[in-house]
Amino acid sequence: MQAYVLINLSTTNVADALKKIRGADGVKYAHLVTGLHDIVAFIEADSLKGLRDVIVNGLLSIPDVSKTITMIVVDGE
């Protein structure tokens, strides 16, 4: 399973937060973006539970991450 995760940060130390996000298990890539969100990450896992683990145990455990919005891929290659 795959998903895009929109991430908001609670810090101005964006470079450090981006490095931690890119290093989290299941994160295939992460980009700093402009607009309502700070970072967009693409994640992969074997199951819905696996996606949950990437988000809850991985991304949301990073102290600088304040909020995530997840969009599960329903048709992709």
PDB file of N, CA and C in Angstrom:
ATOM      1  N   MET A   1       0.832  -1.173   0.000  1.00  0.00           N
ATOM      2  CA  MET A   1       0.000   0.000   0.000  1.00  0.00           C
ATOM      3  C   MET A   1       0.879   1.239   0.000  1.00  0.00           C
ATOM      4  N   GLN A   2       0.319   2.292  -0.569  1.00  0.00           N
ATOM      5  CA  GLN A   2       1.055   3.545  -0.672  1.00  0.00           C
ATOM      6  C   GLN A   2       0.183   4.700  -0.210  1.00  0.00           C
ATOM      7  N   ALA A   3       0.831   5.778   0.235  1.00  0.00           N
ATOM      8  CA  ALA A   3       0.093   6.969   0.644  1.00  0.00           C
ATOM      9  C   ALA A   3       1.001   8.187   0.544  1.00  0.00           C
ATOM     10  N   TYR A   4       0.355   9.320   0.339  1.00  0.00           N
ATOM     11  CA  TYR A   4       1.021  10.613   0.437  1.00  0.00           C
ATOM     12  C   TYR A   4       0.626  11.193   1.783  1.00  0.00           C
ATOM     13  N   VAL A   5       1.591  11.775   2.472  1.00  0.00           N
ATOM     14  CA  VAL A   5       1.323  12.350   3.786  1.00  0.00           C
ATOM     15  C   VAL A   5       1.733  13.818   3.754  1.00  0.00           C
ATOM     16  N   LEU A   6       0.761  14.690   4.053  1.00  0.00           N
ATOM     17  CA  LEU A   6       1.026  16.115   4.178  1.00  0.00           C
ATOM     18  C   LEU A   6       1.400  16.371   5.633  1.00  0.00           C
ATOM     19  N   ILE A   7       2.517  17.031   5.843  1.00  0.00           N
ATOM     20  CA  ILE A   7       3.065  17.168   7.188  1.00  0.00           C
ATOM     21  C   ILE A   7       3.230  18.636   7.551  1.00  0.00           C
ATOM     22  N   ASN A   8       2.760  18.985   8.745  1.00  0.00           N
ATOM     23  CA  ASN A   8       2.979  20.313   9.298  1.00  0.00           C
ATOM     24  C   ASN A   8       3.993  20.200  10.431  1.00  0.00           C
ATOM     25  N   LEU A   9       4.868  21.184  10.507  1.00  0.00           N
ATOM     26  CA  LEU A   9       5.917  21.197  11.516  1.00  0.00           C
ATOM     27  C   LEU A   9       5.650  22.257  12.568  1.00  0.00           C
ATOM     28  N   SER A  10       6.186  22.028  13.747  1.00  0.00           N
ATOM     29  CA  SER A  10       6.070  22.984  14.845  1.00  0.00           C
ATOM     30  C   SER A  10       7.411  23.650  15.124  1.00  0.00           C
ATOM     31  N   THR A  11       8.275  23.681  14.132  1.00  0.00           N
ATOM     32  CA  THR A  11       9.621  24.218  14.300  1.00  0.00           C
ATOM     33  C   THR A  11      10.023  25.020  13.076  1.00  0.00           C
ATOM     34  N   THR A  12      11.015  25.861  13.241  1.00  0.00           N
ATOM     35  CA  THR A  12      11.600  26.541  12.091  1.00  0.00           C
ATOM     36  C   THR A  12      12.878  25.829  11.652  1.00  0.00           C
ATOM     37  N   ASN A  13      13.268  24.783  12.388  1.00  0.00           N
ATOM     38  CA  ASN A  13      14.435  23.978  12.029  1.00  0.00           C
ATOM     39  C   ASN A  13      14.000  22.917  11.016  1.00  0.00           C
ATOM     40  N   VAL A  14      13.618  23.382   9.847  1.00  0.00           N
ATOM     41  CA  VAL A  14      13.024  22.516   8.829  1.00  0.00           C
ATOM     42  C   VAL A  14      14.021  21.485   8.317  1.00  0.00           C
ATOM     43  N   ALA A  15      15.265  21.858   8.154  1.00  0.00           N
ATOM     44  CA  ALA A  15      16.267  20.932   7.605  1.00  0.00           C
ATOM     45  C   ALA A  15      16.420  19.695   8.487  1.00  0.00           C
ATOM     46  N   ASP A  16      16.460  19.892   9.792  1.00  0.00           N
ATOM     47  CA  ASP A  16      16.601  18.764  10.713  1.00  0.00           C
ATOM     48  C   ASP A  16      15.357  17.875  10.683  1.00  0.00           C
ATOM     49  N   ALA A  17      14.185  18.489  10.678  1.00  0.00           N
ATOM     50  CA  ALA A  17      12.932  17.726  10.633  1.00  0.00           C
ATOM     51  C   ALA A  17      12.838  16.936   9.332  1.00  0.00           C
ATOM     52  N   LEU A  18      13.203  17.553   8.220  1.00  0.00           N
ATOM     53  CA  LEU A  18      13.155  16.868   6.926  1.00  0.00           C
ATOM     54  C   LEU A  18      14.091  15.673   6.912  1.00  0.00           C
ATOM     55  N   LYS A  19      15.259  15.816   7.494  1.00  0.00           N
ATOM     56  CA  LYS A  19      16.228  14.714   7.565  1.00  0.00           C
ATOM     57  C   LYS A  19      15.648  13.544   8.368  1.00  0.00           C
ATOM     58  N   LYS A  20      15.014  13.842   9.503  1.00  0.00           N
ATOM     59  CA  LYS A  20      14.411  12.797  10.324  1.00  0.00           C
ATOM     60  C   LYS A  20      13.262  12.107   9.589  1.00  0.00           C
ATOM     61  N   ILE A  21      12.452  12.875   8.906  1.00  0.00           N
ATOM     62  CA  ILE A  21      11.327  12.300   8.151  1.00  0.00           C
ATOM     63  C   ILE A  21      11.842  11.405   7.039  1.00  0.00           C
ATOM     64  N   ARG A  22      12.831  11.860   6.296  1.00  0.00           N
ATOM     65  CA  ARG A  22      13.401  11.050   5.214  1.00  0.00           C
ATOM     66  C   ARG A  22      14.015   9.754   5.734  1.00  0.00           C
ATOM     67  N   GLY A  23      14.475   9.754   6.982  1.00  0.00           N
ATOM     68  CA  GLY A  23      15.092   8.568   7.560  1.00  0.00           C
ATOM     69  C   GLY A  23      14.118   7.609   8.228  1.00  0.00           C
ATOM     70  N   ALA A  24      12.854   7.980   8.305  1.00  0.00           N
ATOM     71  CA  ALA A  24      11.865   7.121   8.965  1.00  0.00           C
ATOM     72  C   ALA A  24      11.557   5.898   8.112  1.00  0.00           C
ATOM     73  N   ASP A  25      11.362   4.757   8.760  1.00  0.00           N
ATOM     74  CA  ASP A  25      11.013   3.522   8.049  1.00  0.00           C
ATOM     75  C   ASP A  25       9.740   3.728   7.243  1.00  0.00           C
ATOM     76  N   GLY A  26       9.747   3.252   6.009  1.00  0.00           N
ATOM     77  CA  GLY A  26       8.570   3.326   5.157  1.00  0.00           C
ATOM     78  C   GLY A  26       8.480   4.577   4.314  1.00  0.00           C
ATOM     79  N   VAL A  27       9.269   5.586   4.626  1.00  0.00           N
ATOM     80  CA  VAL A  27       9.252   6.822   3.836  1.00  0.00           C
ATOM     81  C   VAL A  27      10.143   6.625   2.620  1.00  0.00           C
ATOM     82  N   LYS A  28       9.543   6.721   1.439  1.00  0.00           N
ATOM     83  CA  LYS A  28      10.301   6.547   0.194  1.00  0.00           C
ATOM     84  C   LYS A  28      10.917   7.853  -0.254  1.00  0.00           C
ATOM     85  N   TYR A  29      10.192   8.961  -0.092  1.00  0.00           N
ATOM     86  CA  TYR A  29      10.765  10.275  -0.323  1.00  0.00           C
ATOM     87  C   TYR A  29       9.954  11.318   0.415  1.00  0.00           C
ATOM     88  N   ALA A  30      10.569  12.461   0.640  1.00  0.00           N
ATOM     89  CA  ALA A  30       9.907  13.574   1.313  1.00  0.00           C
ATOM     90  C   ALA A  30      10.463  14.859   0.726  1.00  0.00           C
ATOM     91  N   HIS A  31       9.564  15.814   0.499  1.00  0.00           N
ATOM     92  CA  HIS A  31       9.959  17.087  -0.113  1.00  0.00           C
ATOM     93  C   HIS A  31       9.424  18.255   0.698  1.00  0.00           C
ATOM     94  N   LEU A  32      10.250  19.270   0.846  1.00  0.00           N
ATOM     95  CA  LEU A  32       9.830  20.532   1.425  1.00  0.00           C
ATOM     96  C   LEU A  32       8.984  21.249   0.379  1.00  0.00           C
ATOM     97  N   VAL A  33       7.816  21.739   0.777  1.00  0.00           N
ATOM     98  CA  VAL A  33       6.910  22.397  -0.171  1.00  0.00           C
ATOM     99  C   VAL A  33       6.420  23.724   0.396  1.00  0.00           C
ATOM    100  N   THR A  34       5.800  24.518  -0.468  1.00  0.00           N
ATOM    101  CA  THR A  34       5.189  25.766  -0.031  1.00  0.00           C
ATOM    102  C   THR A  34       3.687  25.562   0.090  1.00  0.00           C
ATOM    103  N   GLY A  35       3.020  26.462   0.791  1.00  0.00           N
ATOM    104  CA  GLY A  35       1.574  26.374   0.921  1.00  0.00           C
ATOM    105  C   GLY A  35       1.156  26.054   2.344  1.00  0.00           C
ATOM    106  N   LEU A  36       0.025  25.376   2.476  1.00  0.00           N
ATOM    107  CA  LEU A  36      -0.551  25.088   3.785  1.00  0.00           C
ATOM    108  C   LEU A  36       0.248  24.076   4.600  1.00  0.00           C
ATOM    109  N   HIS A  37       1.026  23.254   3.926  1.00  0.00           N
ATOM    110  CA  HIS A  37       1.792  22.207   4.597  1.00  0.00           C
ATOM    111  C   HIS A  37       3.270  22.444   4.355  1.00  0.00           C
ATOM    112  N   ASP A  38       4.091  21.865   5.203  1.00  0.00           N
ATOM    113  CA  ASP A  38       5.538  22.088   5.125  1.00  0.00           C
ATOM    114  C   ASP A  38       6.267  21.027   4.314  1.00  0.00           C
ATOM    115  N   ILE A  39       5.825  19.776   4.448  1.00  0.00           N
ATOM    116  CA  ILE A  39       6.498  18.650   3.809  1.00  0.00           C
ATOM    117  C   ILE A  39       5.449  17.700   3.245  1.00  0.00           C
ATOM    118  N   VAL A  40       5.748  17.136   2.079  1.00  0.00           N
ATOM    119  CA  VAL A  40       4.936  16.059   1.516  1.00  0.00           C
ATOM    120  C   VAL A  40       5.830  14.827   1.452  1.00  0.00           C
ATOM    121  N   ALA A  41       5.351  13.730   2.047  1.00  0.00           N
ATOM    122  CA  ALA A  41       6.105  12.477   2.041  1.00  0.00           C
ATOM    123  C   ALA A  41       5.309  11.407   1.303  1.00  0.00           C
ATOM    124  N   PHE A  42       6.020  10.508   0.649  1.00  0.00           N
ATOM    125  CA  PHE A  42       5.419   9.343   0.005  1.00  0.00           C
ATOM    126  C   PHE A  42       5.858   8.134   0.808  1.00  0.00           C
ATOM    127  N   ILE A  43       4.890   7.343   1.280  1.00  0.00           N
ATOM    128  CA  ILE A  43       5.223   6.193   2.125  1.00  0.00           C
ATOM    129  C   ILE A  43       4.669   4.915   1.514  1.00  0.00           C
ATOM    130  N   GLU A  44       5.290   3.801   1.875  1.00  0.00           N
ATOM    131  CA  GLU A  44       4.849   2.480   1.425  1.00  0.00           C
ATOM    132  C   GLU A  44       4.892   1.499   2.583  1.00  0.00           C
ATOM    133  N   ALA A  45       3.950   0.558   2.559  1.00  0.00           N
ATOM    134  CA  ALA A  45       3.914  -0.519   3.552  1.00  0.00           C
ATOM    135  C   ALA A  45       3.159  -1.688   2.935  1.00  0.00           C
ATOM    136  N   ASP A  46       3.247  -2.849   3.575  1.00  0.00           N
ATOM    137  CA  ASP A  46       2.598  -4.058   3.063  1.00  0.00           C
ATOM    138  C   ASP A  46       1.099  -4.098   3.306  1.00  0.00           C
ATOM    139  N   SER A  47       0.612  -3.287   4.257  1.00  0.00           N
ATOM    140  CA  SER A  47      -0.801  -3.352   4.630  1.00  0.00           C
ATOM    141  C   SER A  47      -1.262  -2.005   5.182  1.00  0.00           C
ATOM    142  N   LEU A  48      -2.551  -1.886   5.422  1.00  0.00           N
ATOM    143  CA  LEU A  48      -3.091  -0.683   6.048  1.00  0.00           C
ATOM    144  C   LEU A  48      -2.511  -0.505   7.451  1.00  0.00           C
ATOM    145  N   LYS A  49      -2.392  -1.605   8.169  1.00  0.00           N
ATOM    146  CA  LYS A  49      -1.771  -1.547   9.493  1.00  0.00           C
ATOM    147  C   LYS A  49      -0.326  -1.067   9.385  1.00  0.00           C
ATOM    148  N   GLY A  50       0.352  -1.507   8.344  1.00  0.00           N
ATOM    149  CA  GLY A  50       1.721  -1.065   8.124  1.00  0.00           C
ATOM    150  C   GLY A  50       1.808   0.431   7.860  1.00  0.00           C
ATOM    151  N   LEU A  51       0.863   0.963   7.070  1.00  0.00           N
ATOM    152  CA  LEU A  51       0.819   2.408   6.839  1.00  0.00           C
ATOM    153  C   LEU A  51       0.594   3.140   8.155  1.00  0.00           C
ATOM    154  N   ARG A  52      -0.336   2.618   8.958  1.00  0.00           N
ATOM    155  CA  ARG A  52      -0.612   3.220  10.258  1.00  0.00           C
ATOM    156  C   ARG A  52       0.658   3.265  11.102  1.00  0.00           C
ATOM    157  N   ASP A  53       1.406   2.175  11.106  1.00  0.00           N
ATOM    158  CA  ASP A  53       2.634   2.118  11.893  1.00  0.00           C
ATOM    159  C   ASP A  53       3.664   3.142  11.407  1.00  0.00           C
ATOM    160  N   VAL A  54       3.778   3.293  10.086  1.00  0.00           N
ATOM    161  CA  VAL A  54       4.708   4.286   9.539  1.00  0.00           C
ATOM    162  C   VAL A  54       4.321   5.681  10.029  1.00  0.00           C
ATOM    163  N   ILE A  55       3.030   5.970  10.011  1.00  0.00           N
ATOM    164  CA  ILE A  55       2.564   7.300  10.404  1.00  0.00           C
ATOM    165  C   ILE A  55       2.630   7.489  11.917  1.00  0.00           C
ATOM    166  N   VAL A  56       2.004   6.594  12.667  1.00  0.00           N
ATOM    167  CA  VAL A  56       1.888   6.776  14.116  1.00  0.00           C
ATOM    168  C   VAL A  56       3.222   6.542  14.826  1.00  0.00           C
ATOM    169  N   ASN A  57       3.887   5.440  14.528  1.00  0.00           N
ATOM    170  CA  ASN A  57       5.126   5.096  15.227  1.00  0.00           C
ATOM    171  C   ASN A  57       6.354   5.757  14.612  1.00  0.00           C
ATOM    172  N   GLY A  58       6.226   6.197  13.368  1.00  0.00           N
ATOM    173  CA  GLY A  58       7.346   6.828  12.680  1.00  0.00           C
ATOM    174  C   GLY A  58       7.208   8.336  12.640  1.00  0.00           C
ATOM    175  N   LEU A  59       6.362   8.822  11.747  1.00  0.00           N
ATOM    176  CA  LEU A  59       6.264  10.262  11.517  1.00  0.00           C
ATOM    177  C   LEU A  59       5.782  11.043  12.731  1.00  0.00           C
ATOM    178  N   LEU A  60       4.721  10.589  13.359  1.00  0.00           N
ATOM    179  CA  LEU A  60       4.173  11.334  14.500  1.00  0.00           C
ATOM    180  C   LEU A  60       5.031  11.225  15.758  1.00  0.00           C
ATOM    181  N   SER A  61       6.008  10.331  15.758  1.00  0.00           N
ATOM    182  CA  SER A  61       6.917  10.240  16.903  1.00  0.00           C
ATOM    183  C   SER A  61       8.082  11.229  16.779  1.00  0.00           C
ATOM    184  N   ILE A  62       8.195  11.886  15.629  1.00  0.00           N
ATOM    185  CA  ILE A  62       9.233  12.897  15.435  1.00  0.00           C
ATOM    186  C   ILE A  62       8.757  14.169  16.136  1.00  0.00           C
ATOM    187  N   PRO A  63       9.512  14.684  17.102  1.00  0.00           N
ATOM    188  CA  PRO A  63       9.041  15.805  17.921  1.00  0.00           C
ATOM    189  C   PRO A  63       8.583  17.034  17.140  1.00  0.00           C
ATOM    190  N   ASP A  64       9.182  17.314  16.011  1.00  0.00           N
ATOM    191  CA  ASP A  64       8.858  18.527  15.253  1.00  0.00           C
ATOM    192  C   ASP A  64       7.608  18.393  14.394  1.00  0.00           C
ATOM    193  N   VAL A  65       7.068  17.190  14.257  1.00  0.00           N
ATOM    194  CA  VAL A  65       5.861  16.973  13.460  1.00  0.00           C
ATOM    195  C   VAL A  65       4.649  17.270  14.334  1.00  0.00           C
ATOM    196  N   SER A  66       3.838  18.234  13.910  1.00  0.00           N
ATOM    197  CA  SER A  66       2.672  18.603  14.712  1.00  0.00           C
ATOM    198  C   SER A  66       1.368  18.037  14.160  1.00  0.00           C
ATOM    199  N   LYS A  67       1.315  17.783  12.851  1.00  0.00           N
ATOM    200  CA  LYS A  67       0.066  17.305  12.244  1.00  0.00           C
ATOM    201  C   LYS A  67       0.371  16.608  10.929  1.00  0.00           C
ATOM    202  N   THR A  68      -0.412  15.571  10.636  1.00  0.00           N
ATOM    203  CA  THR A  68      -0.312  14.907   9.344  1.00  0.00           C
ATOM    204  C   THR A  68      -1.705  14.748   8.744  1.00  0.00           C
ATOM    205  N   ILE A  69      -1.752  14.757   7.447  1.00  0.00           N
ATOM    206  CA  ILE A  69      -2.957  14.424   6.696  1.00  0.00           C
ATOM    207  C   ILE A  69      -2.544  13.358   5.692  1.00  0.00           C
ATOM    208  N   THR A  70      -3.224  12.222   5.728  1.00  0.00           N
ATOM    209  CA  THR A  70      -2.833  11.078   4.904  1.00  0.00           C
ATOM    210  C   THR A  70      -3.813  10.875   3.762  1.00  0.00           C
ATOM    211  N   MET A  71      -3.265  10.676   2.571  1.00  0.00           N
ATOM    212  CA  MET A  71      -4.064  10.369   1.387  1.00  0.00           C
ATOM    213  C   MET A  71      -3.595   9.015   0.858  1.00  0.00           C
ATOM    214  N   ILE A  72      -4.415   7.989   1.046  1.00  0.00           N
ATOM    215  CA  ILE A  72      -4.059   6.640   0.598  1.00  0.00           C
ATOM    216  C   ILE A  72      -4.238   6.533  -0.905  1.00  0.00           C
ATOM    217  N   VAL A  73      -3.255   5.964  -1.567  1.00  0.00           N
ATOM    218  CA  VAL A  73      -3.318   5.761  -3.016  1.00  0.00           C
ATOM    219  C   VAL A  73      -4.294   4.623  -3.300  1.00  0.00           C
ATOM    220  N   VAL A  74      -5.288   4.874  -4.151  1.00  0.00           N
ATOM    221  CA  VAL A  74      -6.261   3.840  -4.489  1.00  0.00           C
ATOM    222  C   VAL A  74      -6.085   3.329  -5.920  1.00  0.00           C
ATOM    223  N   ASP A  75      -5.335   4.050  -6.743  1.00  0.00           N
ATOM    224  CA  ASP A  75      -5.044   3.607  -8.096  1.00  0.00           C
ATOM    225  C   ASP A  75      -3.717   4.198  -8.518  1.00  0.00           C
ATOM    226  N   GLY A  76      -2.683   3.401  -8.471  1.00  0.00           N
ATOM    227  CA  GLY A  76      -1.361   3.896  -8.819  1.00  0.00           C
ATOM    228  C   GLY A  76      -0.481   2.771  -9.304  1.00  0.00           C
ATOM    229  N   GLU A  77       0.669   3.143  -9.797  1.00  0.00           N
ATOM    230  CA  GLU A  77       1.612   2.144 -10.302  1.00  0.00           C
ATOM    231  C   GLU A  77       2.884   2.174  -9.517  1.00  0.00           C
TER     232      GLU A  77
END
